[in-house]
Amino acid sequence: MNKKYLTLGSHIKEELSEIQIIIQRAKKAWSLALTKDDSLYLDSVALNLHDFYSGLERIFERVAENIDETKPESLNWHQQILKQMAMEIPKVRPAVISQDLKEELDKYRAFRHIVRNIYAHNFRIDKMKDLMGNIDKILSELEKELRIFYEFLENS
């Protein structure tokens, strides 16, 4: 058993646990945003969606650093690391996530960029609607694919 891989697997599980909490918080805030006339709930949704993708990116960075031994450093490294995680690296590792999931997660990455670059009072419910509408499906697929990757780590 490779201790480095087992340690990475533990970090993945820990991040995923945090992500699950974040998603529950986003769903609660979303429900309130839809029923109350208070844009502050949208701020909470946006922050939690931001944290959701940031948690994923931490997982991806650890995989890139500890297994791939290379992490993108270009200006668009956020896009590149997502792409890297959807690639199989022969004789090193399988893809961490599928191409389909990569495409879906790229929407959350793009939204996180928005959150980082506009004032909160400019958040719009229509920009979050699709993200929140798909979040359960995305989380389920993410859990499944990360579980498969974790099994790879345990067996390596």
N, C-alpha and C. Protein backbone atom coordinates (compact mmCIF):
# COMPACT_ATOMS: atom_id res chain seq x y z
N MET A 1 0.84 -1.20 0.00
CA MET A 1 0.00 0.00 0.00
C MET A 1 0.88 1.25 0.00
N ASN A 2 0.50 2.20 -0.80
CA ASN A 2 1.24 3.44 -0.91
C ASN A 2 0.68 4.45 0.10
N LYS A 3 1.48 4.81 1.09
CA LYS A 3 1.02 5.73 2.14
C LYS A 3 0.61 7.08 1.57
N LYS A 4 1.34 7.53 0.58
CA LYS A 4 1.01 8.83 -0.04
C LYS A 4 -0.39 8.78 -0.65
N TYR A 5 -0.71 7.69 -1.30
CA TYR A 5 -2.02 7.54 -1.91
C TYR A 5 -3.12 7.42 -0.86
N LEU A 6 -2.83 6.69 0.22
CA LEU A 6 -3.82 6.55 1.29
C LEU A 6 -4.07 7.90 1.97
N THR A 7 -3.02 8.67 2.15
CA THR A 7 -3.16 10.00 2.74
C THR A 7 -4.00 10.88 1.82
N LEU A 8 -3.72 10.82 0.54
CA LEU A 8 -4.51 11.59 -0.43
C LEU A 8 -5.97 11.16 -0.38
N GLY A 9 -6.21 9.87 -0.31
CA GLY A 9 -7.57 9.36 -0.23
C GLY A 9 -8.30 9.90 0.99
N SER A 10 -7.61 9.98 2.10
CA SER A 10 -8.21 10.53 3.32
C SER A 10 -8.55 12.00 3.16
N HIS A 11 -7.67 12.74 2.50
CA HIS A 11 -7.95 14.16 2.24
C HIS A 11 -9.17 14.31 1.32
N ILE A 12 -9.27 13.44 0.33
CA ILE A 12 -10.41 13.50 -0.58
C ILE A 12 -11.70 13.26 0.20
N LYS A 13 -11.70 12.25 1.05
CA LYS A 13 -12.89 11.95 1.85
C LYS A 13 -13.26 13.12 2.76
N GLU A 14 -12.27 13.73 3.36
CA GLU A 14 -12.51 14.88 4.25
C GLU A 14 -13.10 16.06 3.48
N GLU A 15 -12.52 16.37 2.33
CA GLU A 15 -13.05 17.47 1.50
C GLU A 15 -14.47 17.16 1.04
N LEU A 16 -14.72 15.93 0.65
CA LEU A 16 -16.05 15.55 0.18
C LEU A 16 -17.08 15.70 1.30
N SER A 17 -16.69 15.38 2.50
CA SER A 17 -17.58 15.56 3.65
C SER A 17 -17.92 17.03 3.84
N GLU A 18 -16.94 17.89 3.72
CA GLU A 18 -17.17 19.34 3.81
C GLU A 18 -18.06 19.82 2.67
N ILE A 19 -17.81 19.31 1.48
CA ILE A 19 -18.60 19.70 0.31
C ILE A 19 -20.07 19.33 0.51
N GLN A 20 -20.32 18.18 1.09
CA GLN A 20 -21.70 17.76 1.34
C GLN A 20 -22.41 18.74 2.28
N ILE A 21 -21.70 19.21 3.30
CA ILE A 21 -22.26 20.20 4.22
C ILE A 21 -22.54 21.51 3.49
N ILE A 22 -21.59 21.92 2.67
CA ILE A 22 -21.73 23.16 1.89
C ILE A 22 -22.97 23.10 0.99
N ILE A 23 -23.17 21.97 0.35
CA ILE A 23 -24.32 21.82 -0.55
C ILE A 23 -25.63 21.92 0.24
N GLN A 24 -25.68 21.31 1.40
CA GLN A 24 -26.89 21.41 2.22
C GLN A 24 -27.18 22.86 2.61
N ARG A 25 -26.13 23.58 2.94
CA ARG A 25 -26.29 25.00 3.27
C ARG A 25 -26.77 25.80 2.07
N ALA A 26 -26.21 25.52 0.90
CA ALA A 26 -26.63 26.21 -0.33
C ALA A 26 -28.09 25.92 -0.63
N LYS A 27 -28.51 24.67 -0.45
CA LYS A 27 -29.91 24.31 -0.73
C LYS A 27 -30.86 25.00 0.24
N LYS A 28 -30.46 25.11 1.50
CA LYS A 28 -31.30 25.80 2.49
C LYS A 28 -31.42 27.29 2.13
N ALA A 29 -30.30 27.90 1.81
CA ALA A 29 -30.32 29.32 1.43
C ALA A 29 -31.11 29.53 0.14
N TRP A 30 -31.00 28.59 -0.80
CA TRP A 30 -31.73 28.70 -2.05
C TRP A 30 -33.23 28.67 -1.80
N SER A 31 -33.65 27.76 -0.95
CA SER A 31 -35.07 27.66 -0.60
C SER A 31 -35.57 28.97 0.00
N LEU A 32 -34.77 29.55 0.88
CA LEU A 32 -35.15 30.83 1.48
C LEU A 32 -35.12 31.97 0.46
N ALA A 33 -34.17 31.93 -0.45
CA ALA A 33 -34.08 32.97 -1.48
C ALA A 33 -35.32 32.95 -2.37
N LEU A 34 -35.86 31.77 -2.59
CA LEU A 34 -37.04 31.65 -3.45
C LEU A 34 -38.33 32.04 -2.75
N THR A 35 -38.34 31.97 -1.42
CA THR A 35 -39.59 32.23 -0.68
C THR A 35 -39.60 33.57 0.05
N LYS A 36 -38.46 34.13 0.30
CA LYS A 36 -38.38 35.41 1.02
C LYS A 36 -37.93 36.50 0.06
N ASP A 37 -38.32 37.69 0.31
CA ASP A 37 -37.89 38.81 -0.51
C ASP A 37 -36.66 39.46 0.14
N ASP A 38 -35.57 38.70 0.15
CA ASP A 38 -34.34 39.18 0.78
C ASP A 38 -33.15 38.66 -0.02
N SER A 39 -32.47 39.54 -0.72
CA SER A 39 -31.36 39.14 -1.57
C SER A 39 -30.16 38.63 -0.78
N LEU A 40 -30.16 38.82 0.52
CA LEU A 40 -29.04 38.31 1.32
C LEU A 40 -28.95 36.79 1.24
N TYR A 41 -30.07 36.12 1.00
CA TYR A 41 -30.04 34.67 0.84
C TYR A 41 -29.30 34.28 -0.43
N LEU A 42 -29.39 35.11 -1.46
CA LEU A 42 -28.62 34.85 -2.68
C LEU A 42 -27.13 34.95 -2.41
N ASP A 43 -26.75 35.87 -1.54
CA ASP A 43 -25.34 35.99 -1.16
C ASP A 43 -24.85 34.67 -0.56
N SER A 44 -25.68 34.09 0.30
CA SER A 44 -25.32 32.82 0.93
C SER A 44 -25.22 31.70 -0.10
N VAL A 45 -26.16 31.66 -1.03
CA VAL A 45 -26.11 30.64 -2.09
C VAL A 45 -24.81 30.80 -2.88
N ALA A 46 -24.52 32.02 -3.29
CA ALA A 46 -23.32 32.29 -4.09
C ALA A 46 -22.06 31.89 -3.33
N LEU A 47 -21.98 32.26 -2.07
CA LEU A 47 -20.80 31.92 -1.28
C LEU A 47 -20.64 30.41 -1.15
N ASN A 48 -21.74 29.70 -0.93
CA ASN A 48 -21.65 28.25 -0.80
C ASN A 48 -21.33 27.57 -2.13
N LEU A 49 -21.84 28.10 -3.24
CA LEU A 49 -21.45 27.56 -4.54
C LEU A 49 -19.96 27.81 -4.81
N HIS A 50 -19.50 28.97 -4.40
CA HIS A 50 -18.08 29.30 -4.49
C HIS A 50 -17.27 28.28 -3.69
N ASP A 51 -17.69 28.02 -2.46
CA ASP A 51 -16.97 27.08 -1.59
C ASP A 51 -17.03 25.65 -2.13
N PHE A 52 -18.16 25.29 -2.73
CA PHE A 52 -18.30 23.96 -3.34
C PHE A 52 -17.20 23.74 -4.37
N TYR A 53 -17.06 24.67 -5.29
CA TYR A 53 -16.05 24.47 -6.32
C TYR A 53 -14.63 24.61 -5.76
N SER A 54 -14.45 25.49 -4.81
CA SER A 54 -13.12 25.65 -4.20
C SER A 54 -12.68 24.36 -3.51
N GLY A 55 -13.61 23.69 -2.85
CA GLY A 55 -13.30 22.40 -2.22
C GLY A 55 -12.89 21.37 -3.25
N LEU A 56 -13.60 21.34 -4.37
CA LEU A 56 -13.24 20.42 -5.45
C LEU A 56 -11.86 20.73 -5.98
N GLU A 57 -11.60 22.00 -6.15
CA GLU A 57 -10.30 22.39 -6.70
C GLU A 57 -9.16 22.01 -5.76
N ARG A 58 -9.41 22.05 -4.46
CA ARG A 58 -8.38 21.59 -3.50
C ARG A 58 -8.09 20.10 -3.71
N ILE A 59 -9.13 19.31 -3.95
CA ILE A 59 -8.93 17.89 -4.24
C ILE A 59 -8.09 17.75 -5.51
N PHE A 60 -8.46 18.48 -6.53
CA PHE A 60 -7.76 18.39 -7.81
C PHE A 60 -6.29 18.81 -7.68
N GLU A 61 -6.04 19.84 -6.92
CA GLU A 61 -4.66 20.29 -6.72
C GLU A 61 -3.83 19.21 -6.02
N ARG A 62 -4.42 18.56 -5.03
CA ARG A 62 -3.70 17.49 -4.32
C ARG A 62 -3.38 16.32 -5.25
N VAL A 63 -4.33 15.97 -6.10
CA VAL A 63 -4.08 14.89 -7.07
C VAL A 63 -2.96 15.31 -8.01
N ALA A 64 -3.03 16.53 -8.52
CA ALA A 64 -2.01 17.02 -9.45
C ALA A 64 -0.63 17.02 -8.80
N GLU A 65 -0.56 17.47 -7.56
CA GLU A 65 0.73 17.56 -6.88
C GLU A 65 1.26 16.21 -6.45
N ASN A 66 0.40 15.34 -5.92
CA ASN A 66 0.85 14.10 -5.31
C ASN A 66 0.91 12.89 -6.24
N ILE A 67 0.11 12.89 -7.28
CA ILE A 67 0.12 11.75 -8.20
C ILE A 67 0.70 12.16 -9.55
N ASP A 68 0.14 13.19 -10.15
CA ASP A 68 0.60 13.62 -11.47
C ASP A 68 1.99 14.25 -11.39
N GLU A 69 2.28 14.83 -10.24
CA GLU A 69 3.53 15.54 -9.99
C GLU A 69 3.71 16.72 -10.94
N THR A 70 2.59 17.26 -11.37
CA THR A 70 2.61 18.47 -12.18
C THR A 70 1.26 19.17 -12.06
N LYS A 71 1.34 20.45 -11.82
CA LYS A 71 0.13 21.26 -11.67
C LYS A 71 0.23 22.43 -12.63
N PRO A 72 -0.85 22.71 -13.36
CA PRO A 72 -0.81 23.85 -14.30
C PRO A 72 -0.45 25.14 -13.57
N GLU A 73 0.31 25.98 -14.26
CA GLU A 73 0.73 27.25 -13.68
C GLU A 73 0.39 28.44 -14.55
N SER A 74 -0.28 28.20 -15.65
CA SER A 74 -0.63 29.29 -16.56
C SER A 74 -1.71 30.17 -15.94
N LEU A 75 -2.01 31.28 -16.60
CA LEU A 75 -3.04 32.18 -16.10
C LEU A 75 -4.40 31.50 -16.00
N ASN A 76 -4.65 30.53 -16.88
CA ASN A 76 -5.92 29.83 -16.85
C ASN A 76 -5.79 28.46 -16.17
N TRP A 77 -4.97 28.39 -15.16
CA TRP A 77 -4.70 27.11 -14.50
C TRP A 77 -5.97 26.50 -13.90
N HIS A 78 -6.94 27.31 -13.53
CA HIS A 78 -8.19 26.78 -12.97
C HIS A 78 -8.91 25.92 -14.02
N GLN A 79 -8.91 26.36 -15.25
CA GLN A 79 -9.51 25.58 -16.33
C GLN A 79 -8.65 24.36 -16.65
N GLN A 80 -7.35 24.56 -16.64
CA GLN A 80 -6.44 23.48 -17.01
C GLN A 80 -6.44 22.33 -16.00
N ILE A 81 -6.55 22.65 -14.73
CA ILE A 81 -6.54 21.57 -13.73
C ILE A 81 -7.82 20.75 -13.83
N LEU A 82 -8.92 21.40 -14.15
CA LEU A 82 -10.17 20.67 -14.35
C LEU A 82 -10.03 19.72 -15.54
N LYS A 83 -9.45 20.22 -16.61
CA LYS A 83 -9.20 19.39 -17.79
C LYS A 83 -8.26 18.23 -17.45
N GLN A 84 -7.24 18.51 -16.68
CA GLN A 84 -6.27 17.48 -16.28
C GLN A 84 -6.94 16.36 -15.49
N MET A 85 -7.90 16.71 -14.65
CA MET A 85 -8.56 15.70 -13.82
C MET A 85 -9.46 14.78 -14.65
N ALA A 86 -9.87 15.23 -15.81
CA ALA A 86 -10.72 14.41 -16.68
C ALA A 86 -9.90 13.55 -17.64
N MET A 87 -8.59 13.66 -17.54
CA MET A 87 -7.72 12.87 -18.41
C MET A 87 -7.16 11.67 -17.66
N GLU A 88 -7.13 10.55 -18.35
CA GLU A 88 -6.38 9.40 -17.83
C GLU A 88 -4.91 9.67 -18.14
N ILE A 89 -4.05 9.34 -17.20
CA ILE A 89 -2.62 9.44 -17.44
C ILE A 89 -2.09 8.01 -17.44
N PRO A 90 -1.82 7.47 -18.63
CA PRO A 90 -1.40 6.07 -18.72
C PRO A 90 -0.23 5.74 -17.79
N LYS A 91 -0.35 4.60 -17.12
CA LYS A 91 0.64 4.08 -16.18
C LYS A 91 0.78 4.92 -14.92
N VAL A 92 -0.09 5.93 -14.77
CA VAL A 92 -0.05 6.78 -13.57
C VAL A 92 -1.37 6.69 -12.82
N ARG A 93 -2.46 7.06 -13.50
CA ARG A 93 -3.77 7.06 -12.84
C ARG A 93 -4.88 7.10 -13.87
N PRO A 94 -6.08 6.64 -13.44
CA PRO A 94 -7.25 6.82 -14.31
C PRO A 94 -7.73 8.27 -14.22
N ALA A 95 -8.67 8.62 -15.05
CA ALA A 95 -9.29 9.95 -14.93
C ALA A 95 -9.95 10.04 -13.56
N VAL A 96 -9.83 11.17 -12.93
CA VAL A 96 -10.45 11.39 -11.62
C VAL A 96 -11.95 11.61 -11.81
N ILE A 97 -12.31 12.35 -12.85
CA ILE A 97 -13.71 12.63 -13.17
C ILE A 97 -13.93 12.36 -14.65
N SER A 98 -15.17 12.13 -15.02
CA SER A 98 -15.52 11.90 -16.42
C SER A 98 -15.55 13.22 -17.19
N GLN A 99 -15.53 13.10 -18.50
CA GLN A 99 -15.65 14.29 -19.37
C GLN A 99 -16.99 14.99 -19.14
N ASP A 100 -18.05 14.20 -18.98
CA ASP A 100 -19.37 14.79 -18.76
C ASP A 100 -19.40 15.60 -17.47
N LEU A 101 -18.83 15.03 -16.40
CA LEU A 101 -18.80 15.75 -15.13
C LEU A 101 -17.91 16.98 -15.24
N LYS A 102 -16.82 16.87 -15.96
CA LYS A 102 -15.94 18.03 -16.17
C LYS A 102 -16.72 19.18 -16.79
N GLU A 103 -17.53 18.87 -17.80
CA GLU A 103 -18.32 19.91 -18.47
C GLU A 103 -19.30 20.57 -17.50
N GLU A 104 -19.92 19.78 -16.66
CA GLU A 104 -20.85 20.32 -15.67
C GLU A 104 -20.12 21.15 -14.61
N LEU A 105 -18.99 20.64 -14.14
CA LEU A 105 -18.24 21.35 -13.10
C LEU A 105 -17.66 22.66 -13.61
N ASP A 106 -17.40 22.72 -14.91
CA ASP A 106 -16.86 23.96 -15.48
C ASP A 106 -17.84 25.12 -15.31
N LYS A 107 -19.13 24.83 -15.25
CA LYS A 107 -20.13 25.87 -15.02
C LYS A 107 -19.99 26.44 -13.59
N TYR A 108 -19.68 25.58 -12.64
CA TYR A 108 -19.49 26.02 -11.25
C TYR A 108 -18.17 26.79 -11.13
N ARG A 109 -17.15 26.36 -11.87
CA ARG A 109 -15.88 27.09 -11.89
C ARG A 109 -16.10 28.50 -12.43
N ALA A 110 -16.84 28.60 -13.51
CA ALA A 110 -17.11 29.90 -14.11
C ALA A 110 -17.92 30.78 -13.16
N PHE A 111 -18.88 30.18 -12.47
CA PHE A 111 -19.68 30.96 -11.52
C PHE A 111 -18.81 31.43 -10.36
N ARG A 112 -17.90 30.59 -9.89
CA ARG A 112 -17.00 31.02 -8.82
C ARG A 112 -16.21 32.25 -9.26
N HIS A 113 -15.80 32.27 -10.50
CA HIS A 113 -15.09 33.43 -11.04
C HIS A 113 -15.96 34.69 -10.95
N ILE A 114 -17.23 34.54 -11.26
CA ILE A 114 -18.17 35.66 -11.15
C ILE A 114 -18.25 36.14 -9.71
N VAL A 115 -18.40 35.18 -8.78
CA VAL A 115 -18.52 35.54 -7.35
C VAL A 115 -17.30 36.34 -6.90
N ARG A 116 -16.15 35.97 -7.39
CA ARG A 116 -14.91 36.64 -6.99
C ARG A 116 -14.75 38.02 -7.61
N ASN A 117 -15.52 38.31 -8.65
CA ASN A 117 -15.26 39.52 -9.41
C ASN A 117 -16.40 40.51 -9.52
N ILE A 118 -17.52 40.28 -8.83
CA ILE A 118 -18.58 41.29 -8.82
C ILE A 118 -19.01 41.54 -7.38
N TYR A 119 -19.69 42.62 -7.17
CA TYR A 119 -20.22 42.92 -5.86
C TYR A 119 -21.44 42.05 -5.59
N ALA A 120 -21.60 41.65 -4.34
CA ALA A 120 -22.68 40.72 -3.96
C ALA A 120 -24.06 41.23 -4.33
N HIS A 121 -24.27 42.53 -4.25
CA HIS A 121 -25.61 43.04 -4.55
C HIS A 121 -25.98 42.87 -6.03
N ASN A 122 -25.01 42.46 -6.86
CA ASN A 122 -25.27 42.21 -8.28
C ASN A 122 -25.58 40.74 -8.61
N PHE A 123 -25.58 39.87 -7.60
CA PHE A 123 -25.92 38.47 -7.86
C PHE A 123 -27.34 38.39 -8.40
N ARG A 124 -27.53 37.50 -9.37
CA ARG A 124 -28.85 37.35 -9.98
C ARG A 124 -29.33 35.92 -9.83
N ILE A 125 -30.58 35.80 -9.46
CA ILE A 125 -31.18 34.50 -9.22
C ILE A 125 -31.15 33.62 -10.47
N ASP A 126 -31.31 34.24 -11.64
CA ASP A 126 -31.32 33.45 -12.87
C ASP A 126 -29.96 32.83 -13.17
N LYS A 127 -28.88 33.42 -12.70
CA LYS A 127 -27.53 32.87 -12.90
C LYS A 127 -27.30 31.66 -12.00
N MET A 128 -28.05 31.55 -10.93
CA MET A 128 -27.87 30.46 -9.97
C MET A 128 -28.87 29.34 -10.18
N LYS A 129 -29.96 29.62 -10.89
CA LYS A 129 -31.06 28.67 -11.01
C LYS A 129 -30.61 27.31 -11.55
N ASP A 130 -29.89 27.29 -12.66
CA ASP A 130 -29.45 26.02 -13.24
C ASP A 130 -28.44 25.32 -12.34
N LEU A 131 -27.55 26.10 -11.74
CA LEU A 131 -26.55 25.49 -10.86
C LEU A 131 -27.21 24.79 -9.68
N MET A 132 -28.17 25.46 -9.07
CA MET A 132 -28.86 24.87 -7.93
C MET A 132 -29.79 23.74 -8.37
N GLY A 133 -30.38 23.87 -9.54
CA GLY A 133 -31.27 22.83 -10.04
C GLY A 133 -30.56 21.52 -10.32
N ASN A 134 -29.27 21.60 -10.63
CA ASN A 134 -28.49 20.40 -10.94
C ASN A 134 -27.61 19.91 -9.80
N ILE A 135 -27.60 20.62 -8.69
CA ILE A 135 -26.61 20.35 -7.67
C ILE A 135 -26.70 18.93 -7.08
N ASP A 136 -27.91 18.41 -6.89
CA ASP A 136 -28.03 17.06 -6.34
C ASP A 136 -27.47 16.02 -7.31
N LYS A 137 -27.78 16.19 -8.58
CA LYS A 137 -27.26 15.27 -9.60
C LYS A 137 -25.74 15.36 -9.68
N ILE A 138 -25.21 16.56 -9.64
CA ILE A 138 -23.77 16.77 -9.71
C ILE A 138 -23.08 16.16 -8.49
N LEU A 139 -23.64 16.39 -7.32
CA LEU A 139 -23.04 15.85 -6.10
C LEU A 139 -23.07 14.32 -6.12
N SER A 140 -24.15 13.74 -6.56
CA SER A 140 -24.26 12.28 -6.64
C SER A 140 -23.21 11.70 -7.59
N GLU A 141 -23.08 12.30 -8.75
CA GLU A 141 -22.10 11.82 -9.73
C GLU A 141 -20.68 12.04 -9.21
N LEU A 142 -20.45 13.16 -8.59
CA LEU A 142 -19.14 13.46 -8.02
C LEU A 142 -18.77 12.43 -6.95
N GLU A 143 -19.70 12.13 -6.05
CA GLU A 143 -19.44 11.13 -5.01
C GLU A 143 -19.11 9.78 -5.62
N LYS A 144 -19.86 9.39 -6.65
CA LYS A 144 -19.62 8.11 -7.32
C LYS A 144 -18.23 8.07 -7.95
N GLU A 145 -17.89 9.11 -8.70
CA GLU A 145 -16.61 9.12 -9.40
C GLU A 145 -15.43 9.25 -8.45
N LEU A 146 -15.57 10.01 -7.39
CA LEU A 146 -14.49 10.11 -6.41
C LEU A 146 -14.33 8.82 -5.62
N ARG A 147 -15.44 8.11 -5.39
CA ARG A 147 -15.37 6.81 -4.72
C ARG A 147 -14.55 5.83 -5.57
N ILE A 148 -14.80 5.82 -6.88
CA ILE A 148 -14.04 4.96 -7.79
C ILE A 148 -12.56 5.34 -7.77
N PHE A 149 -12.29 6.64 -7.77
CA PHE A 149 -10.90 7.08 -7.72
C PHE A 149 -10.25 6.71 -6.39
N TYR A 150 -11.01 6.84 -5.32
CA TYR A 150 -10.48 6.46 -4.00
C TYR A 150 -10.14 4.97 -3.98
N GLU A 151 -10.96 4.14 -4.60
CA GLU A 151 -10.66 2.70 -4.67
C GLU A 151 -9.36 2.46 -5.43
N PHE A 152 -9.14 3.22 -6.50
CA PHE A 152 -7.87 3.13 -7.21
C PHE A 152 -6.70 3.44 -6.26
N LEU A 153 -6.85 4.50 -5.46
CA LEU A 153 -5.79 4.88 -4.54
C LEU A 153 -5.53 3.78 -3.52
N GLU A 154 -6.60 3.20 -2.99
CA GLU A 154 -6.43 2.13 -1.99
C GLU A 154 -5.74 0.90 -2.56
N ASN A 155 -5.97 0.62 -3.83
CA ASN A 155 -5.43 -0.59 -4.45
C ASN A 155 -4.08 -0.38 -5.13
N SER A 156 -3.54 0.81 -5.04
CA SER A 156 -2.26 1.09 -5.71
C SER A 156 -1.09 0.93 -4.78
